[in-house]
Amino acid sequence: SLRREGIEGSVTVRVTIDERGRVTAVELIKATDSRFFE
């Protein structure tokens, strides 16, 4: 939907990385649009 609308943007997240290198949590810091965050 954002591509169709021609909207560009960015999202900044804080990720928690476990001892195996996998992401276990993603916290929103800021986003141009919530769909970018999702």
Full PDB file with SEQRES, HELIX, SHEET, SSBOND, CRYST1, ORIGX, SCALE, CONECT and MASTER records, all heavy atoms in Angstrom:
SEQRES   1 A   38  SER LEU ARG ARG GLU GLY ILE GLU GLY SER VAL THR VAL          
SEQRES   2 A   38  ARG VAL THR ILE ASP GLU ARG GLY ARG VAL THR ALA VAL          
SEQRES   3 A   38  GLU LEU ILE LYS ALA THR ASP SER ARG PHE PHE GLU              
HELIX    1 AA1 LEU A    2  GLU A    5  1                                   4    
HELIX    2 AA2 SER A   34  PHE A   37  1                                   4    
SHEET    1 AA1 2 VAL A  11  ILE A  17  0                                        
SHEET    2 AA1 2 VAL A  23  ALA A  31 -1                                        
CRYST1    1.000    1.000    1.000  90.00  90.00  90.00 P 1           1          
ORIGX1      1.000000  0.000000  0.000000        0.00000                         
ORIGX2      0.000000  1.000000  0.000000        0.00000                         
ORIGX3      0.000000  0.000000  1.000000        0.00000                         
SCALE1      1.000000  0.000000  0.000000        0.00000                         
SCALE2      0.000000  1.000000  0.000000        0.00000                         
SCALE3      0.000000  0.000000  1.000000        0.00000                         
ATOM      1  N   SER A   1       0.839  -1.210   0.000  1.00  0.00           N  
ATOM      2  CA  SER A   1       0.000   0.000   0.000  1.00  0.00           C  
ATOM      3  C   SER A   1       0.873   1.259   0.000  1.00  0.00           C  
ATOM      4  O   SER A   1       0.533   2.256  -0.649  1.00  0.00           O  
ATOM      5  CB  SER A   1      -0.945   0.009   1.200  1.00  0.00           C  
ATOM      6  OG  SER A   1      -0.201  -0.083   2.407  1.00  0.00           O  
ATOM      7  N   LEU A   2       2.004   1.229   0.698  1.00  0.00           N  
ATOM      8  CA  LEU A   2       2.886   2.401   0.720  1.00  0.00           C  
ATOM      9  C   LEU A   2       3.605   2.554  -0.625  1.00  0.00           C  
ATOM     10  O   LEU A   2       3.849   3.666  -1.076  1.00  0.00           O  
ATOM     11  CB  LEU A   2       3.894   2.292   1.872  1.00  0.00           C  
ATOM     12  CG  LEU A   2       3.270   2.350   3.271  1.00  0.00           C  
ATOM     13  CD1 LEU A   2       4.321   2.127   4.337  1.00  0.00           C  
ATOM     14  CD2 LEU A   2       2.560   3.674   3.491  1.00  0.00           C  
ATOM     15  N   ARG A   3       3.934   1.439  -1.267  1.00  0.00           N  
ATOM     16  CA  ARG A   3       4.557   1.498  -2.595  1.00  0.00           C  
ATOM     17  C   ARG A   3       3.582   2.145  -3.579  1.00  0.00           C  
ATOM     18  O   ARG A   3       3.956   3.036  -4.336  1.00  0.00           O  
ATOM     19  CB  ARG A   3       4.951   0.104  -3.065  1.00  0.00           C  
ATOM     20  CG  ARG A   3       5.630   0.119  -4.440  1.00  0.00           C  
ATOM     21  CD  ARG A   3       5.966  -1.272  -4.940  1.00  0.00           C  
ATOM     22  NE  ARG A   3       6.941  -1.963  -4.126  1.00  0.00           N  
ATOM     23  CZ  ARG A   3       8.250  -1.721  -4.145  1.00  0.00           C  
ATOM     24  NH1 ARG A   3       8.731  -0.789  -4.931  1.00  0.00           N  
ATOM     25  NH2 ARG A   3       9.061  -2.426  -3.402  1.00  0.00           N  
ATOM     26  N   ARG A   4       2.313   1.694  -3.536  1.00  0.00           N  
ATOM     27  CA  ARG A   4       1.307   2.264  -4.448  1.00  0.00           C  
ATOM     28  C   ARG A   4       1.130   3.754  -4.215  1.00  0.00           C  
ATOM     29  O   ARG A   4       0.921   4.523  -5.144  1.00  0.00           O  
ATOM     30  CB  ARG A   4      -0.040   1.552  -4.258  1.00  0.00           C  
ATOM     31  CG  ARG A   4      -0.137   0.220  -4.948  1.00  0.00           C  
ATOM     32  CD  ARG A   4      -1.568  -0.305  -4.978  1.00  0.00           C  
ATOM     33  NE  ARG A   4      -2.182  -0.422  -3.652  1.00  0.00           N  
ATOM     34  CZ  ARG A   4      -2.022  -1.467  -2.847  1.00  0.00           C  
ATOM     35  NH1 ARG A   4      -1.289  -2.488  -3.204  1.00  0.00           N  
ATOM     36  NH2 ARG A   4      -2.613  -1.488  -1.660  1.00  0.00           N  
ATOM     37  N   GLU A   5       1.186   4.170  -2.950  1.00  0.00           N  
ATOM     38  CA  GLU A   5       1.014   5.579  -2.615  1.00  0.00           C  
ATOM     39  C   GLU A   5       2.295   6.390  -2.861  1.00  0.00           C  
ATOM     40  O   GLU A   5       2.285   7.608  -2.717  1.00  0.00           O  
ATOM     41  CB  GLU A   5       0.603   5.714  -1.144  1.00  0.00           C  
ATOM     42  CG  GLU A   5      -0.761   5.112  -0.847  1.00  0.00           C  
ATOM     43  CD  GLU A   5      -1.034   5.023   0.653  1.00  0.00           C  
ATOM     44  OE1 GLU A   5      -0.633   5.952   1.387  1.00  0.00           O  
ATOM     45  OE2 GLU A   5      -1.651   4.025   1.089  1.00  0.00           O  
ATOM     46  N   GLY A   6       3.386   5.706  -3.190  1.00  0.00           N  
ATOM     47  CA  GLY A   6       4.650   6.396  -3.455  1.00  0.00           C  
ATOM     48  C   GLY A   6       5.298   6.954  -2.198  1.00  0.00           C  
ATOM     49  O   GLY A   6       6.034   7.939  -2.259  1.00  0.00           O  
ATOM     50  N   ILE A   7       5.044   6.334  -1.064  1.00  0.00           N  
ATOM     51  CA  ILE A   7       5.572   6.842   0.210  1.00  0.00           C  
ATOM     52  C   ILE A   7       6.882   6.140   0.547  1.00  0.00           C  
ATOM     53  O   ILE A   7       6.947   4.912   0.583  1.00  0.00           O  
ATOM     54  CB  ILE A   7       4.545   6.637   1.344  1.00  0.00           C  
ATOM     55  CG1 ILE A   7       3.293   7.470   1.055  1.00  0.00           C  
ATOM     56  CG2 ILE A   7       5.153   6.993   2.697  1.00  0.00           C  
ATOM     57  CD1 ILE A   7       2.155   7.237   2.013  1.00  0.00           C  
ATOM     58  N   GLU A   8       7.912   6.931   0.786  1.00  0.00           N  
ATOM     59  CA  GLU A   8       9.190   6.418   1.258  1.00  0.00           C  
ATOM     60  C   GLU A   8       9.298   6.731   2.742  1.00  0.00           C  
ATOM     61  O   GLU A   8       8.577   7.586   3.255  1.00  0.00           O  
ATOM     62  CB  GLU A   8      10.351   7.070   0.510  1.00  0.00           C  
ATOM     63  CG  GLU A   8      10.399   6.710  -0.959  1.00  0.00           C  
ATOM     64  CD  GLU A   8      11.624   7.264  -1.651  1.00  0.00           C  
ATOM     65  OE1 GLU A   8      12.157   8.305  -1.220  1.00  0.00           O  
ATOM     66  OE2 GLU A   8      12.061   6.644  -2.632  1.00  0.00           O  
ATOM     67  N   GLY A   9      10.205   6.057   3.410  1.00  0.00           N  
ATOM     68  CA  GLY A   9      10.367   6.345   4.827  1.00  0.00           C  
ATOM     69  C   GLY A   9      11.425   5.474   5.462  1.00  0.00           C  
ATOM     70  O   GLY A   9      12.225   4.839   4.786  1.00  0.00           O  
ATOM     71  N   SER A  10      11.376   5.451   6.777  1.00  0.00           N  
ATOM     72  CA  SER A  10      12.340   4.647   7.522  1.00  0.00           C  
ATOM     73  C   SER A  10      11.723   4.246   8.857  1.00  0.00           C  
ATOM     74  O   SER A  10      10.712   4.799   9.286  1.00  0.00           O  
ATOM     75  CB  SER A  10      13.628   5.423   7.753  1.00  0.00           C  
ATOM     76  OG  SER A  10      13.386   6.549   8.568  1.00  0.00           O  
ATOM     77  N   VAL A  11      12.353   3.271   9.466  1.00  0.00           N  
ATOM     78  CA  VAL A  11      11.945   2.825  10.792  1.00  0.00           C  
ATOM     79  C   VAL A  11      13.213   2.552  11.591  1.00  0.00           C  
ATOM     80  O   VAL A  11      14.189   2.014  11.064  1.00  0.00           O  
ATOM     81  CB  VAL A  11      11.032   1.574  10.722  1.00  0.00           C  
ATOM     82  CG1 VAL A  11      11.727   0.398  10.087  1.00  0.00           C  
ATOM     83  CG2 VAL A  11      10.524   1.187  12.093  1.00  0.00           C  
ATOM     84  N   THR A  12      13.205   2.973  12.838  1.00  0.00           N  
ATOM     85  CA  THR A  12      14.314   2.694  13.747  1.00  0.00           C  
ATOM     86  C   THR A  12      13.779   1.800  14.847  1.00  0.00           C  
ATOM     87  O   THR A  12      12.745   2.100  15.449  1.00  0.00           O  
ATOM     88  CB  THR A  12      14.891   3.996  14.334  1.00  0.00           C  
ATOM     89  OG1 THR A  12      15.335   4.822  13.247  1.00  0.00           O  
ATOM     90  CG2 THR A  12      16.068   3.711  15.260  1.00  0.00           C  
ATOM     91  N   VAL A  13      14.483   0.684  15.057  1.00  0.00           N  
ATOM     92  CA  VAL A  13      14.060  -0.301  16.045  1.00  0.00           C  
ATOM     93  C   VAL A  13      15.232  -0.670  16.947  1.00  0.00           C  
ATOM     94  O   VAL A  13      16.393  -0.525  16.572  1.00  0.00           O  
ATOM     95  CB  VAL A  13      13.515  -1.587  15.370  1.00  0.00           C  
ATOM     96  CG1 VAL A  13      12.232  -1.308  14.610  1.00  0.00           C  
ATOM     97  CG2 VAL A  13      14.557  -2.224  14.467  1.00  0.00           C  
ATOM     98  N   ARG A  14      14.890  -1.135  18.134  1.00  0.00           N  
ATOM     99  CA  ARG A  14      15.888  -1.730  19.029  1.00  0.00           C  
ATOM    100  C   ARG A  14      15.606  -3.219  19.031  1.00  0.00           C  
ATOM    101  O   ARG A  14      14.497  -3.640  19.369  1.00  0.00           O  
ATOM    102  CB  ARG A  14      15.787  -1.172  20.441  1.00  0.00           C  
ATOM    103  CG  ARG A  14      16.830  -1.801  21.392  1.00  0.00           C  
ATOM    104  CD  ARG A  14      16.806  -1.187  22.789  1.00  0.00           C  
ATOM    105  NE  ARG A  14      17.118   0.234  22.720  1.00  0.00           N  
ATOM    106  CZ  ARG A  14      16.260   1.219  23.015  1.00  0.00           C  
ATOM    107  NH1 ARG A  14      15.045   0.958  23.408  1.00  0.00           N  
ATOM    108  NH2 ARG A  14      16.626   2.477  22.933  1.00  0.00           N  
ATOM    109  N   VAL A  15      16.597  -4.010  18.618  1.00  0.00           N  
ATOM    110  CA  VAL A  15      16.423  -5.455  18.590  1.00  0.00           C  
ATOM    111  C   VAL A  15      17.217  -6.090  19.726  1.00  0.00           C  
ATOM    112  O   VAL A  15      18.300  -5.619  20.073  1.00  0.00           O  
ATOM    113  CB  VAL A  15      16.846  -6.061  17.235  1.00  0.00           C  
ATOM    114  CG1 VAL A  15      15.926  -5.604  16.121  1.00  0.00           C  
ATOM    115  CG2 VAL A  15      18.282  -5.745  16.887  1.00  0.00           C  
ATOM    116  N   THR A  16      16.638  -7.131  20.303  1.00  0.00           N  
ATOM    117  CA  THR A  16      17.339  -7.934  21.304  1.00  0.00           C  
ATOM    118  C   THR A  16      17.849  -9.171  20.581  1.00  0.00           C  
ATOM    119  O   THR A  16      17.085  -9.856  19.889  1.00  0.00           O  
ATOM    120  CB  THR A  16      16.402  -8.333  22.459  1.00  0.00           C  
ATOM    121  OG1 THR A  16      15.911  -7.133  23.060  1.00  0.00           O  
ATOM    122  CG2 THR A  16      17.133  -9.172  23.501  1.00  0.00           C  
ATOM    123  N   ILE A  17      19.140  -9.439  20.733  1.00  0.00           N  
ATOM    124  CA  ILE A  17      19.801 -10.531  20.029  1.00  0.00           C  
ATOM    125  C   ILE A  17      20.284 -11.542  21.068  1.00  0.00           C  
ATOM    126  O   ILE A  17      20.997 -11.174  22.010  1.00  0.00           O  
ATOM    127  CB  ILE A  17      20.998  -9.988  19.216  1.00  0.00           C  
ATOM    128  CG1 ILE A  17      20.518  -8.891  18.262  1.00  0.00           C  
ATOM    129  CG2 ILE A  17      21.715 -11.110  18.481  1.00  0.00           C  
ATOM    130  CD1 ILE A  17      21.593  -7.933  17.835  1.00  0.00           C  
ATOM    131  N   ASP A  18      19.878 -12.806  20.901  1.00  0.00           N  
ATOM    132  CA  ASP A  18      20.265 -13.813  21.879  1.00  0.00           C  
ATOM    133  C   ASP A  18      21.682 -14.344  21.621  1.00  0.00           C  
ATOM    134  O   ASP A  18      22.356 -13.907  20.691  1.00  0.00           O  
ATOM    135  CB  ASP A  18      19.224 -14.942  21.968  1.00  0.00           C  
ATOM    136  CG  ASP A  18      19.198 -15.862  20.753  1.00  0.00           C  
ATOM    137  OD1 ASP A  18      20.092 -15.787  19.886  1.00  0.00           O  
ATOM    138  OD2 ASP A  18      18.258 -16.682  20.684  1.00  0.00           O  
ATOM    139  N   GLU A  19      22.091 -15.297  22.442  1.00  0.00           N  
ATOM    140  CA  GLU A  19      23.454 -15.835  22.368  1.00  0.00           C  
ATOM    141  C   GLU A  19      23.714 -16.597  21.077  1.00  0.00           C  
ATOM    142  O   GLU A  19      24.853 -16.856  20.729  1.00  0.00           O  
ATOM    143  CB  GLU A  19      23.732 -16.795  23.540  1.00  0.00           C  
ATOM    144  CG  GLU A  19      23.548 -16.201  24.897  1.00  0.00           C  
ATOM    145  CD  GLU A  19      22.130 -16.397  25.447  1.00  0.00           C  
ATOM    146  OE1 GLU A  19      21.171 -16.637  24.672  1.00  0.00           O  
ATOM    147  OE2 GLU A  19      21.973 -16.289  26.670  1.00  0.00           O  
ATOM    148  N   ARG A  20      22.659 -16.973  20.358  1.00  0.00           N  
ATOM    149  CA  ARG A  20      22.830 -17.678  19.082  1.00  0.00           C  
ATOM    150  C   ARG A  20      22.811 -16.725  17.897  1.00  0.00           C  
ATOM    151  O   ARG A  20      22.967 -17.154  16.759  1.00  0.00           O  
ATOM    152  CB  ARG A  20      21.724 -18.718  18.906  1.00  0.00           C  
ATOM    153  CG  ARG A  20      21.757 -19.812  19.969  1.00  0.00           C  
ATOM    154  CD  ARG A  20      20.518 -20.670  19.889  1.00  0.00           C  
ATOM    155  NE  ARG A  20      19.343 -19.790  19.938  1.00  0.00           N  
ATOM    156  CZ  ARG A  20      18.136 -20.108  19.509  1.00  0.00           C  
ATOM    157  NH1 ARG A  20      17.907 -21.282  19.010  1.00  0.00           N  
ATOM    158  NH2 ARG A  20      17.144 -19.249  19.609  1.00  0.00           N  
ATOM    159  N   GLY A  21      22.553 -15.437  18.162  1.00  0.00           N  
ATOM    160  CA  GLY A  21      22.518 -14.455  17.076  1.00  0.00           C  
ATOM    161  C   GLY A  21      21.143 -14.242  16.482  1.00  0.00           C  
ATOM    162  O   GLY A  21      20.998 -13.579  15.462  1.00  0.00           O  
ATOM    163  N   ARG A  22      20.114 -14.777  17.129  1.00  0.00           N  
ATOM    164  CA  ARG A  22      18.741 -14.611  16.635  1.00  0.00           C  
ATOM    165  C   ARG A  22      18.056 -13.451  17.346  1.00  0.00           C  
ATOM    166  O   ARG A  22      18.283 -13.220  18.523  1.00  0.00           O  
ATOM    167  CB  ARG A  22      17.949 -15.892  16.863  1.00  0.00           C  
ATOM    168  CG  ARG A  22      18.517 -17.075  16.095  1.00  0.00           C  
ATOM    169  CD  ARG A  22      17.693 -18.302  16.328  1.00  0.00           C  
ATOM    170  NE  ARG A  22      16.410 -18.184  15.646  1.00  0.00           N  
ATOM    171  CZ  ARG A  22      16.103 -18.816  14.527  1.00  0.00           C  
ATOM    172  NH1 ARG A  22      16.959 -19.620  13.969  1.00  0.00           N  
ATOM    173  NH2 ARG A  22      14.923 -18.659  13.977  1.00  0.00           N  
ATOM    174  N   VAL A  23      17.192 -12.764  16.613  1.00  0.00           N  
ATOM    175  CA  VAL A  23      16.423 -11.653  17.193  1.00  0.00           C  
ATOM    176  C   VAL A  23      15.256 -12.237  17.984  1.00  0.00           C  
ATOM    177  O   VAL A  23      14.484 -13.036  17.459  1.00  0.00           O  
ATOM    178  CB  VAL A  23      15.923 -10.708  16.086  1.00  0.00           C  
ATOM    179  CG1 VAL A  23      14.993  -9.643  16.652  1.00  0.00           C  
ATOM    180  CG2 VAL A  23      17.104 -10.053  15.376  1.00  0.00           C  
ATOM    181  N   THR A  24      15.153 -11.835  19.246  1.00  0.00           N  
ATOM    182  CA  THR A  24      14.076 -12.338  20.100  1.00  0.00           C  
ATOM    183  C   THR A  24      13.033 -11.276  20.430  1.00  0.00           C  
ATOM    184  O   THR A  24      11.953 -11.608  20.895  1.00  0.00           O  
ATOM    185  CB  THR A  24      14.647 -12.908  21.415  1.00  0.00           C  
ATOM    186  OG1 THR A  24      15.367 -11.875  22.090  1.00  0.00           O  
ATOM    187  CG2 THR A  24      15.565 -14.098  21.144  1.00  0.00           C  
ATOM    188  N   ALA A  25      13.353  -9.999  20.190  1.00  0.00           N  
ATOM    189  CA  ALA A  25      12.399  -8.918  20.457  1.00  0.00           C  
ATOM    190  C   ALA A  25      12.728  -7.726  19.571  1.00  0.00           C  
ATOM    191  O   ALA A  25      13.895  -7.482  19.258  1.00  0.00           O  
ATOM    192  CB  ALA A  25      12.449  -8.507  21.924  1.00  0.00           C  
ATOM    193  N   VAL A  26      11.690  -7.010  19.180  1.00  0.00           N  
ATOM    194  CA  VAL A  26      11.849  -5.818  18.348  1.00  0.00           C  
ATOM    195  C   VAL A  26      11.001  -4.712  18.960  1.00  0.00           C  
ATOM    196  O   VAL A  26       9.789  -4.855  19.099  1.00  0.00           O  
ATOM    197  CB  VAL A  26      11.394  -6.070  16.894  1.00  0.00           C  
ATOM    198  CG1 VAL A  26      11.617  -4.829  16.039  1.00  0.00           C  
ATOM    199  CG2 VAL A  26      12.105  -7.279  16.297  1.00  0.00           C  
ATOM    200  N   GLU A  27      11.655  -3.617  19.321  1.00  0.00           N  
ATOM    201  CA  GLU A  27      10.961  -2.489  19.948  1.00  0.00           C  
ATOM    202  C   GLU A  27      11.017  -1.288  19.004  1.00  0.00           C  
ATOM    203  O   GLU A  27      12.087  -0.934  18.503  1.00  0.00           O  
ATOM    204  CB  GLU A  27      11.660  -2.159  21.263  1.00  0.00           C  
ATOM    205  CG  GLU A  27      11.109  -0.945  21.965  1.00  0.00           C  
ATOM    206  CD  GLU A  27      11.962  -0.545  23.165  1.00  0.00           C  
ATOM    207  OE1 GLU A  27      12.828  -1.332  23.593  1.00  0.00           O  
ATOM    208  OE2 GLU A  27      11.759   0.574  23.666  1.00  0.00           O  
ATOM    209  N   LEU A  28       9.876  -0.669  18.782  1.00  0.00           N  
ATOM    210  CA  LEU A  28       9.808   0.514  17.929  1.00  0.00           C  
ATOM    211  C   LEU A  28      10.419   1.717  18.634  1.00  0.00           C  
ATOM    212  O   LEU A  28      10.083   2.001  19.781  1.00  0.00           O  
ATOM    213  CB  LEU A  28       8.347   0.820  17.576  1.00  0.00           C  
ATOM    214  CG  LEU A  28       8.103   2.114  16.812  1.00  0.00           C  
ATOM    215  CD1 LEU A  28       8.759   2.072  15.440  1.00  0.00           C  
ATOM    216  CD2 LEU A  28       6.614   2.378  16.691  1.00  0.00           C  
ATOM    217  N   ILE A  29      11.311   2.395  17.941  1.00  0.00           N  
ATOM    218  CA  ILE A  29      11.830   3.673  18.439  1.00  0.00           C  
ATOM    219  C   ILE A  29      11.136   4.794  17.679  1.00  0.00           C  
ATOM    220  O   ILE A  29      10.574   5.696  18.276  1.00  0.00           O  
ATOM    221  CB  ILE A  29      13.357   3.746  18.314  1.00  0.00           C  
ATOM    222  CG1 ILE A  29      13.986   2.705  19.246  1.00  0.00           C  
ATOM    223  CG2 ILE A  29      13.859   5.148  18.637  1.00  0.00           C  
ATOM    224  CD1 ILE A  29      15.479   2.603  19.158  1.00  0.00           C  
ATOM    225  N   LYS A  30      11.170   4.721  16.344  1.00  0.00           N  
ATOM    226  CA  LYS A  30      10.402   5.683  15.543  1.00  0.00           C  
ATOM    227  C   LYS A  30      10.206   5.121  14.146  1.00  0.00           C  
ATOM    228  O   LYS A  30      11.010   4.320  13.671  1.00  0.00           O  
ATOM    229  CB  LYS A  30      11.086   7.050  15.492  1.00  0.00           C  
ATOM    230  CG  LYS A  30      12.391   7.076  14.748  1.00  0.00           C  
ATOM    231  CD  LYS A  30      12.976   8.475  14.726  1.00  0.00           C  
ATOM    232  CE  LYS A  30      14.307   8.438  13.976  1.00  0.00           C  
ATOM    233  NZ  LYS A  30      14.933   9.725  13.889  1.00  0.00           N  
ATOM    234  N   ALA A  31       9.132   5.545  13.500  1.00  0.00           N  
ATOM    235  CA  ALA A  31       8.830   5.080  12.150  1.00  0.00           C  
ATOM    236  C   ALA A  31       8.061   6.157  11.406  1.00  0.00           C  
ATOM    237  O   ALA A  31       7.231   6.848  11.990  1.00  0.00           O  
ATOM    238  CB  ALA A  31       8.002   3.802  12.194  1.00  0.00           C  
ATOM    239  N   THR A  32       8.349   6.269  10.112  1.00  0.00           N  
ATOM    240  CA  THR A  32       7.610   7.181   9.257  1.00  0.00           C  
ATOM    241  C   THR A  32       6.150   6.741   9.184  1.00  0.00           C  
ATOM    242  O   THR A  32       5.245   7.563   9.148  1.00  0.00           O  
ATOM    243  CB  THR A  32       8.217   7.186   7.836  1.00  0.00           C  
ATOM    244  OG1 THR A  32       9.616   7.418   7.946  1.00  0.00           O  
ATOM    245  CG2 THR A  32       7.604   8.246   6.963  1.00  0.00           C  
ATOM    246  N   ASP A  33       5.936   5.423   9.169  1.00  0.00           N  
ATOM    247  CA  ASP A  33       4.594   4.854   9.088  1.00  0.00           C  
ATOM    248  C   ASP A  33       4.617   3.518   9.826  1.00  0.00           C  
ATOM    249  O   ASP A  33       5.594   2.776   9.723  1.00  0.00           O  
ATOM    250  CB  ASP A  33       4.216   4.656   7.614  1.00  0.00           C  
ATOM    251  CG  ASP A  33       2.773   4.234   7.431  1.00  0.00           C  
ATOM    252  OD1 ASP A  33       2.465   3.062   7.739  1.00  0.00           O  
ATOM    253  OD2 ASP A  33       1.960   5.058   6.965  1.00  0.00           O  
ATOM    254  N   SER A  34       3.550   3.198  10.543  1.00  0.00           N  
ATOM    255  CA  SER A  34       3.523   1.958  11.321  1.00  0.00           C  
ATOM    256  C   SER A  34       3.653   0.720  10.436  1.00  0.00           C  
ATOM    257  O   SER A  34       4.123  -0.321  10.881  1.00  0.00           O  
ATOM    258  CB  SER A  34       2.250   1.877  12.159  1.00  0.00           C  
ATOM    259  OG  SER A  34       1.110   1.831  11.320  1.00  0.00           O  
ATOM    260  N   ARG A  35       3.251   0.834   9.162  1.00  0.00           N  
ATOM    261  CA  ARG A  35       3.369  -0.327   8.265  1.00  0.00           C  
ATOM    262  C   ARG A  35       4.833  -0.655   7.990  1.00  0.00           C  
ATOM    263  O   ARG A  35       5.190  -1.823   7.819  1.00  0.00           O  
ATOM    264  CB  ARG A  35       2.599  -0.073   6.970  1.00  0.00           C  
ATOM    265  CG  ARG A  35       1.082  -0.038   7.229  1.00  0.00           C  
ATOM    266  CD  ARG A  35       0.301   0.444   6.041  1.00  0.00           C  
ATOM    267  NE  ARG A  35       0.448   1.903   5.920  1.00  0.00           N  
ATOM    268  CZ  ARG A  35      -0.202   2.664   5.040  1.00  0.00           C  
ATOM    269  NH1 ARG A  35      -1.049   2.093   4.184  1.00  0.00           N  
ATOM    270  NH2 ARG A  35      -0.035   3.955   4.998  1.00  0.00           N  
ATOM    271  N   PHE A  36       5.706   0.356   7.974  1.00  0.00           N  
ATOM    272  CA  PHE A  36       7.136   0.087   7.841  1.00  0.00           C  
ATOM    273  C   PHE A  36       7.632  -0.699   9.058  1.00  0.00           C  
ATOM    274  O   PHE A  36       8.428  -1.628   8.937  1.00  0.00           O  
ATOM    275  CB  PHE A  36       7.945   1.379   7.707  1.00  0.00           C  
ATOM    276  CG  PHE A  36       7.789   2.089   6.392  1.00  0.00           C  
ATOM    277  CD1 PHE A  36       7.635   3.459   6.356  1.00  0.00           C  
ATOM    278  CD2 PHE A  36       7.825   1.400   5.185  1.00  0.00           C  
ATOM    279  CE1 PHE A  36       7.511   4.136   5.148  1.00  0.00           C  
ATOM    280  CE2 PHE A  36       7.699   2.062   3.971  1.00  0.00           C  
ATOM    281  CZ  PHE A  36       7.542   3.437   3.953  1.00  0.00           C  
ATOM    282  N   PHE A  37       7.142  -0.322  10.247  1.00  0.00           N  
ATOM    283  CA  PHE A  37       7.548  -1.037  11.453  1.00  0.00           C  
ATOM    284  C   PHE A  37       7.083  -2.487  11.414  1.00  0.00           C  
ATOM    285  O   PHE A  37       7.842  -3.401  11.731  1.00  0.00           O  
ATOM    286  CB  PHE A  37       7.004  -0.346  12.712  1.00  0.00           C  
ATOM    287  CG  PHE A  37       7.192  -1.187  13.956  1.00  0.00           C  
ATOM    288  CD1 PHE A  37       8.458  -1.478  14.436  1.00  0.00           C  
ATOM    289  CD2 PHE A  37       6.099  -1.702  14.621  1.00  0.00           C  
ATOM    290  CE1 PHE A  37       8.634  -2.266  15.573  1.00  0.00           C  
ATOM    291  CE2 PHE A  37       6.265  -2.486  15.753  1.00  0.00           C  
ATOM    292  CZ  PHE A  37       7.536  -2.772  16.227  1.00  0.00           C  
ATOM    293  N   GLU A  38       5.842  -2.718  11.036  1.00  0.00           N  
ATOM    294  CA  GLU A  38       5.307  -4.087  11.015  1.00  0.00           C  
ATOM    295  C   GLU A  38       6.126  -4.980  10.085  1.00  0.00           C  
ATOM    296  O   GLU A  38       6.449  -6.115  10.437  1.00  0.00           O  
ATOM    297  CB  GLU A  38       3.826  -4.094  10.622  1.00  0.00           C  
ATOM    298  CG  GLU A  38       2.922  -3.509  11.681  1.00  0.00           C  
ATOM    299  CD  GLU A  38       3.070  -4.172  13.046  1.00  0.00           C  
ATOM    300  OE1 GLU A  38       3.221  -5.410  13.119  1.00  0.00           O  
ATOM    301  OE2 GLU A  38       3.045  -3.441  14.054  1.00  0.00           O  
TER     302      GLU A  38                                                      
MASTER        0    0    0    2    2    0    0    6  301    1    0    3          
END                                                                             
